[in-house]
N, C-alpha and C. Protein backbone atom coordinates (compact mmCIF):
# COMPACT_ATOMS: atom_id res chain seq x y z
N MET A 1 0.69 -1.64 0.18
CA MET A 1 0.07 0.08 0.33
C MET A 1 0.58 1.52 0.07
N ALA A 2 0.63 2.56 -1.17
CA ALA A 2 1.77 3.52 -1.44
C ALA A 2 0.91 4.32 0.22
N THR A 3 1.91 4.89 0.20
CA THR A 3 1.90 6.23 1.75
C THR A 3 1.67 7.28 0.92
N THR A 4 0.87 7.97 1.65
CA THR A 4 0.89 9.14 0.76
C THR A 4 0.79 10.09 1.89
N PHE A 5 2.15 11.29 1.56
CA PHE A 5 1.89 12.47 2.65
C PHE A 5 2.17 13.62 1.92
N LEU A 6 1.43 14.16 2.88
CA LEU A 6 1.55 16.27 2.69
C LEU A 6 2.66 16.97 3.20
N THR A 7 3.17 17.64 2.39
CA THR A 7 4.47 18.65 2.95
C THR A 7 4.62 19.90 2.34
N SER A 8 5.05 20.67 2.90
CA SER A 8 4.98 22.22 2.99
C SER A 8 6.90 22.49 1.98
N LEU A 9 7.79 21.41 1.01
CA LEU A 9 8.73 21.73 0.90
C LEU A 9 8.79 23.21 -0.42
N SER A 10 9.75 23.85 -0.20
CA SER A 10 9.71 25.09 -1.00
C SER A 10 10.45 24.63 -2.91
N GLU A 11 10.15 25.30 -4.12
CA GLU A 11 10.57 23.73 -5.00
C GLU A 11 11.19 24.18 -5.05
N GLU A 12 12.84 24.33 -4.53
CA GLU A 12 14.35 24.16 -4.66
C GLU A 12 14.37 22.77 -3.46
N GLU A 13 13.88 22.36 -2.04
CA GLU A 13 14.27 21.83 -1.56
C GLU A 13 13.38 20.23 -2.34
N PHE A 14 12.26 20.59 -2.82
CA PHE A 14 11.49 19.54 -3.52
C PHE A 14 12.34 19.22 -4.68
N LYS A 15 13.49 20.51 -5.23
CA LYS A 15 14.13 19.67 -6.19
C LYS A 15 15.01 18.75 -5.81
N ILE A 16 15.91 18.82 -4.41
CA ILE A 16 17.43 18.22 -4.16
C ILE A 16 16.44 17.31 -4.02
N PHE A 17 15.84 16.45 -3.30
CA PHE A 17 14.97 15.59 -2.81
C PHE A 17 14.27 15.09 -4.10
N LEU A 18 14.19 15.38 -4.98
CA LEU A 18 13.84 14.49 -6.56
C LEU A 18 15.15 13.90 -6.57
N LYS A 19 16.13 14.97 -6.76
CA LYS A 19 17.47 14.80 -7.30
C LYS A 19 18.12 13.30 -6.61
N SER A 20 17.78 13.17 -5.42
CA SER A 20 18.29 12.47 -4.66
C SER A 20 17.47 11.56 -4.13
N ALA A 21 16.47 11.69 -4.60
CA ALA A 21 15.97 9.97 -4.80
C ALA A 21 15.96 9.19 -6.09
N ILE A 22 15.92 9.77 -7.48
CA ILE A 22 16.62 9.02 -8.13
C ILE A 22 17.93 9.06 -8.47
N SER A 23 19.38 9.24 -7.00
CA SER A 23 20.28 9.05 -7.92
C SER A 23 20.32 7.74 -6.96
N GLU A 24 19.41 7.58 -6.02
CA GLU A 24 19.71 6.18 -5.31
C GLU A 24 18.37 5.62 -5.94
N ILE A 25 18.10 5.16 -6.42
CA ILE A 25 17.16 4.68 -8.17
C ILE A 25 18.12 4.65 -9.21
N ILE A 26 18.61 5.11 -8.89
CA ILE A 26 20.06 4.36 -10.54
C ILE A 26 21.50 3.81 -10.11
N ASN A 27 21.82 4.41 -8.32
CA ASN A 27 21.76 3.26 -8.21
C ASN A 27 22.56 2.15 -6.74
N GLY A 28 20.84 1.80 -7.59
CA GLY A 28 20.45 0.67 -7.17
C GLY A 28 20.74 0.13 -4.95
N ARG A 29 20.61 1.82 -4.88
CA ARG A 29 20.15 1.41 -3.59
C ARG A 29 18.97 2.44 -2.47
N ASN A 30 18.10 1.76 -3.68
CA ASN A 30 16.66 2.31 -3.01
C ASN A 30 16.31 0.57 -2.70
N ASN A 31 16.20 -0.56 -1.87
CA ASN A 31 15.36 -1.34 -1.04
C ASN A 31 14.11 -1.28 -1.35
N LEU A 32 13.26 0.03 -1.54
CA LEU A 32 11.64 -0.33 -1.39
C LEU A 32 11.47 -0.92 -2.72
N SER A 33 11.81 -0.76 -3.97
CA SER A 33 11.39 -0.59 -5.28
C SER A 33 12.52 -1.90 -6.23
N THR A 34 13.27 -2.61 -5.16
CA THR A 34 13.57 -3.83 -5.90
C THR A 34 13.93 -4.39 -4.64
N PRO A 35 13.30 -5.81 -5.02
CA PRO A 35 13.65 -6.93 -4.21
C PRO A 35 15.53 -8.25 -3.58
N ASP A 36 15.87 -7.94 -2.47
CA ASP A 36 17.07 -8.17 -1.68
C ASP A 36 17.42 -8.91 -2.83
N VAL A 37 18.23 -9.09 -2.98
CA VAL A 37 19.20 -10.16 -4.20
C VAL A 37 20.07 -11.16 -2.71
N PRO A 38 20.27 -12.57 -2.26
CA PRO A 38 21.49 -12.58 -1.60
C PRO A 38 22.34 -12.55 -2.50
N ASP A 39 23.62 -12.87 -1.78
CA ASP A 39 25.55 -12.84 -2.28
C ASP A 39 25.02 -14.22 -3.10
N ILE A 40 24.99 -15.10 -2.76
CA ILE A 40 24.78 -16.28 -2.77
C ILE A 40 23.14 -17.04 -3.41
N LEU A 41 23.70 -17.50 -4.39
CA LEU A 41 22.09 -17.75 -5.63
C LEU A 41 22.14 -19.34 -5.62
N ASP A 42 21.00 -19.86 -6.23
CA ASP A 42 20.39 -21.42 -6.73
C ASP A 42 20.55 -21.25 -7.83
N ALA A 43 19.93 -21.93 -8.34
CA ALA A 43 19.98 -22.12 -10.11
C ALA A 43 18.52 -21.66 -9.81
N LYS A 44 17.63 -21.04 -9.69
CA LYS A 44 17.00 -20.74 -9.90
C LYS A 44 16.61 -19.31 -10.19
N GLN A 45 17.30 -19.06 -9.09
CA GLN A 45 17.69 -17.24 -7.90
C GLN A 45 18.43 -17.08 -9.82
N ALA A 46 19.38 -17.61 -9.74
CA ALA A 46 20.44 -17.39 -10.27
C ALA A 46 19.82 -17.28 -12.14
N ALA A 47 18.55 -17.99 -12.21
CA ALA A 47 18.17 -17.71 -13.73
C ALA A 47 17.29 -16.78 -14.03
N ASP A 48 16.60 -16.75 -13.16
CA ASP A 48 15.71 -15.06 -12.88
C ASP A 48 16.32 -13.75 -12.46
N PHE A 49 17.46 -13.94 -12.03
CA PHE A 49 19.30 -13.04 -11.97
C PHE A 49 19.00 -12.73 -13.76
N LEU A 50 19.37 -13.44 -14.05
CA LEU A 50 19.88 -13.10 -15.81
C LEU A 50 19.18 -13.26 -16.47
N ARG A 51 18.24 -13.73 -16.11
CA ARG A 51 16.20 -14.03 -16.52
C ARG A 51 17.13 -14.13 -17.66
N LEU A 52 17.39 -15.81 -17.95
CA LEU A 52 16.83 -16.57 -18.91
C LEU A 52 16.27 -17.57 -18.12
N ARG A 53 16.32 -18.87 -18.89
CA ARG A 53 15.00 -20.00 -18.53
C ARG A 53 16.36 -21.04 -18.04
N ILE A 54 15.94 -21.62 -17.04
CA ILE A 54 16.43 -22.59 -16.00
C ILE A 54 17.63 -23.37 -16.96
N SER A 55 17.06 -24.14 -17.68
CA SER A 55 17.70 -24.92 -19.33
C SER A 55 18.82 -24.40 -19.40
N THR A 56 18.69 -23.21 -20.16
CA THR A 56 19.80 -22.02 -20.98
C THR A 56 20.86 -21.88 -20.19
N LEU A 57 20.64 -21.49 -19.04
CA LEU A 57 21.86 -21.61 -17.23
C LEU A 57 22.33 -23.18 -17.54
N TYR A 58 21.94 -24.14 -17.44
CA TYR A 58 22.03 -25.02 -16.98
C TYR A 58 23.45 -25.63 -18.21
N GLU A 59 22.82 -25.61 -19.63
CA GLU A 59 23.89 -25.75 -20.29
C GLU A 59 24.91 -24.80 -20.64
N LYS A 60 24.45 -23.98 -20.57
CA LYS A 60 25.68 -22.21 -20.05
C LYS A 60 26.45 -22.73 -19.03
N THR A 61 26.27 -23.62 -18.08
CA THR A 61 27.47 -23.86 -16.90
C THR A 61 28.37 -25.08 -17.46
N SER A 62 27.05 -25.84 -18.08
CA SER A 62 27.96 -27.42 -18.62
C SER A 62 29.03 -27.68 -19.38
N GLU A 63 28.89 -25.73 -20.13
CA GLU A 63 29.41 -25.61 -21.40
C GLU A 63 30.58 -24.50 -20.40
N LYS A 64 30.65 -24.49 -19.03
CA LYS A 64 31.65 -23.59 -18.91
C LYS A 64 31.18 -21.99 -18.63
N ARG A 65 30.55 -21.79 -19.36
CA ARG A 65 30.34 -20.49 -19.84
C ARG A 65 30.07 -19.18 -19.16
N VAL A 66 29.09 -19.77 -17.51
CA VAL A 66 29.20 -18.95 -17.01
C VAL A 66 29.44 -19.25 -15.29
N PRO A 67 29.77 -18.60 -14.35
CA PRO A 67 31.07 -19.00 -12.97
C PRO A 67 29.94 -19.27 -12.28
N HIS A 68 30.22 -20.21 -11.56
CA HIS A 68 29.09 -20.88 -10.53
C HIS A 68 30.14 -21.75 -9.72
N PHE A 69 29.56 -22.86 -8.82
CA PHE A 69 30.27 -23.47 -8.14
C PHE A 69 29.34 -24.80 -8.16
N LYS A 70 29.76 -25.50 -8.05
CA LYS A 70 28.54 -26.77 -7.55
C LYS A 70 29.24 -27.62 -6.44
N ARG A 71 28.28 -27.93 -5.56
CA ARG A 71 28.26 -28.66 -4.25
C ARG A 71 27.52 -30.03 -4.50
N GLY A 72 28.07 -30.98 -4.33
CA GLY A 72 27.26 -32.32 -4.55
C GLY A 72 26.88 -32.10 -5.84
N ASN A 73 25.05 -31.92 -6.24
CA ASN A 73 24.17 -32.43 -7.15
C ASN A 73 23.59 -30.83 -7.26
N LYS A 74 24.17 -29.90 -6.29
CA LYS A 74 23.77 -28.14 -6.70
C LYS A 74 24.51 -27.04 -7.28
N LEU A 75 24.02 -26.61 -7.36
CA LEU A 75 24.72 -25.38 -8.04
C LEU A 75 24.43 -23.77 -8.20
N TYR A 76 25.68 -23.70 -7.56
CA TYR A 76 25.41 -22.30 -6.68
C TYR A 76 26.36 -20.98 -7.68
N PHE A 77 25.87 -20.33 -8.00
CA PHE A 77 26.19 -18.65 -8.13
C PHE A 77 26.77 -17.98 -7.61
N ASN A 78 27.73 -17.30 -7.44
CA ASN A 78 28.24 -15.34 -6.63
C ASN A 78 27.11 -14.77 -7.76
N ARG A 79 26.50 -13.68 -6.40
CA ARG A 79 25.50 -12.70 -7.38
C ARG A 79 27.04 -11.82 -7.80
N GLN A 80 27.43 -10.94 -7.05
CA GLN A 80 28.70 -9.76 -7.58
C GLN A 80 29.53 -10.93 -9.55
N GLN A 81 29.97 -12.34 -9.25
CA GLN A 81 30.51 -12.71 -10.34
C GLN A 81 29.90 -12.31 -11.25
N LEU A 82 27.86 -13.29 -11.06
CA LEU A 82 26.28 -12.92 -12.32
C LEU A 82 26.95 -11.14 -12.90
N GLN A 83 27.13 -10.38 -12.29
CA GLN A 83 27.40 -9.34 -12.60
C GLN A 83 28.25 -9.50 -13.14
N SER A 84 29.15 -9.68 -13.18
CA SER A 84 30.60 -9.07 -13.69
C SER A 84 30.97 -10.06 -15.36
N TRP A 85 30.02 -10.20 -14.81
CA TRP A 85 30.14 -11.86 -16.26
C TRP A 85 29.11 -11.09 -17.42
N LEU A 86 28.04 -10.10 -16.23
CA LEU A 86 26.61 -9.71 -17.62
C LEU A 86 27.52 -8.61 -18.38
N GLU A 87 28.53 -7.56 -17.36
CA GLU A 87 29.33 -6.77 -18.15
C GLU A 87 29.90 -7.08 -19.46
N GLU A 88 31.21 -8.10 -18.59
CA GLU A 88 31.94 -8.42 -19.61
C GLU A 88 31.96 -8.73 -20.96
N GLY A 89 29.95 -8.89 -21.71
CA GLY A 89 29.38 -8.81 -23.27
C GLY A 89 29.21 -7.97 -23.30
N LYS A 90 29.44 -6.48 -22.64
CA LYS A 90 29.12 -5.28 -22.95
C LYS A 90 29.79 -4.95 -24.81
N VAL A 91 28.95 -4.63 -25.52
CA VAL A 91 29.05 -3.92 -27.11
C VAL A 91 29.46 -2.55 -27.22
N LYS A 92 30.91 -3.06 -28.09
CA LYS A 92 31.34 -1.73 -27.74
C LYS A 92 30.80 -0.57 -28.35
N THR A 93 30.60 0.89 -28.32
CA THR A 93 30.38 0.99 -29.11
C THR A 93 30.74 1.38 -30.57
N THR A 94 31.04 2.23 -31.92
CA THR A 94 31.88 2.73 -32.96
C THR A 94 32.39 3.76 -32.22
N ASP A 95 32.23 4.85 -31.87
CA ASP A 95 33.21 5.65 -31.32
C ASP A 95 34.93 4.51 -30.89
N GLU A 96 34.23 4.28 -29.81
CA GLU A 96 35.40 3.20 -28.68
C GLU A 96 35.73 2.48 -29.72
N LEU A 97 35.00 1.33 -30.62
CA LEU A 97 35.84 0.99 -31.68
C LEU A 97 37.23 1.54 -32.40
N GLN A 98 36.39 2.75 -33.05
CA GLN A 98 37.68 3.70 -34.26
C GLN A 98 38.37 3.69 -32.83
N GLY A 99 38.29 4.39 -31.94
CA GLY A 99 39.78 4.80 -31.21
C GLY A 99 40.24 3.63 -31.25
N GLU A 100 40.08 2.65 -30.53
CA GLU A 100 40.87 1.29 -29.68
C GLU A 100 41.86 1.34 -31.24
N ALA A 101 41.36 1.70 -32.39
CA ALA A 101 41.77 0.93 -33.59
C ALA A 101 42.75 1.76 -34.07
N ALA A 102 42.74 3.29 -33.92
CA ALA A 102 43.41 4.78 -34.33
C ALA A 102 44.84 4.57 -32.86
N SER A 103 44.46 4.02 -31.80
CA SER A 103 45.36 3.99 -30.76
C SER A 103 46.20 2.64 -31.50
N TYR A 104 46.01 1.71 -31.86
CA TYR A 104 46.57 0.66 -32.43
C TYR A 104 47.70 1.22 -33.43
N SER A 105 46.69 1.43 -33.84
CA SER A 105 47.51 2.61 -36.03
C SER A 105 48.74 3.02 -35.09
N MET A 106 48.68 4.00 -34.45
CA MET A 106 49.28 5.52 -33.89
C MET A 106 50.75 4.26 -33.12
N HIS A 107 50.70 2.84 -32.06
CA HIS A 107 51.36 2.49 -31.81
C HIS A 107 52.53 1.57 -32.71
N ARG A 108 51.53 0.86 -34.10
CA ARG A 108 52.49 0.24 -34.65
C ARG A 108 53.02 0.89 -35.37
N GLU A 109 52.57 2.70 -35.72
CA GLU A 109 53.63 3.81 -36.67
C GLU A 109 54.82 3.97 -35.79
N ALA A 110 54.67 3.91 -33.90
CA ALA A 110 55.93 4.08 -33.49
C ALA A 110 56.35 3.23 -33.60
N LYS A 111 56.06 1.94 -33.09
CA LYS A 111 57.22 1.01 -33.08
C LYS A 111 57.51 1.12 -35.27
N LYS A 112 57.30 0.66 -35.92
CA LYS A 112 58.16 1.24 -37.03
C LYS A 112 58.79 1.98 -36.78
N PHE A 113 59.35 3.16 -36.93
CA PHE A 113 59.92 3.94 -36.51
C PHE A 113 61.42 4.07 -34.93
N ASN A 114 60.72 3.01 -34.06
CA ASN A 114 62.10 2.56 -32.91
C ASN A 114 62.91 1.53 -33.30
N ARG A 115 62.34 1.39 -34.54
CA ARG A 115 63.16 0.07 -35.32
C ARG A 115 64.80 0.13 -35.70
């Protein structure tokens, strides 16, 4: 149930409050809107976290493509490792690729002149 309240904030105070609330949401510190996710996840929790079907998760673990732990017949996952694994799949923008290509070319040309 949502809480309703009335207040007499000035426009500037309201802007500061709103900026702070938005910052908390963006940085993931607002536990009101997102359920707590434990540090160690079972297979179902990990599949939900990654937004994968559980069969897809099992496939990826059998191929050793997803970081995981195994105790007996149970699979466990570290939430931070899964988050890092997701972030490793970032697709570079055209500007990033062009910057890397230019840097590589300049480095290679510098090597030629130093021989």
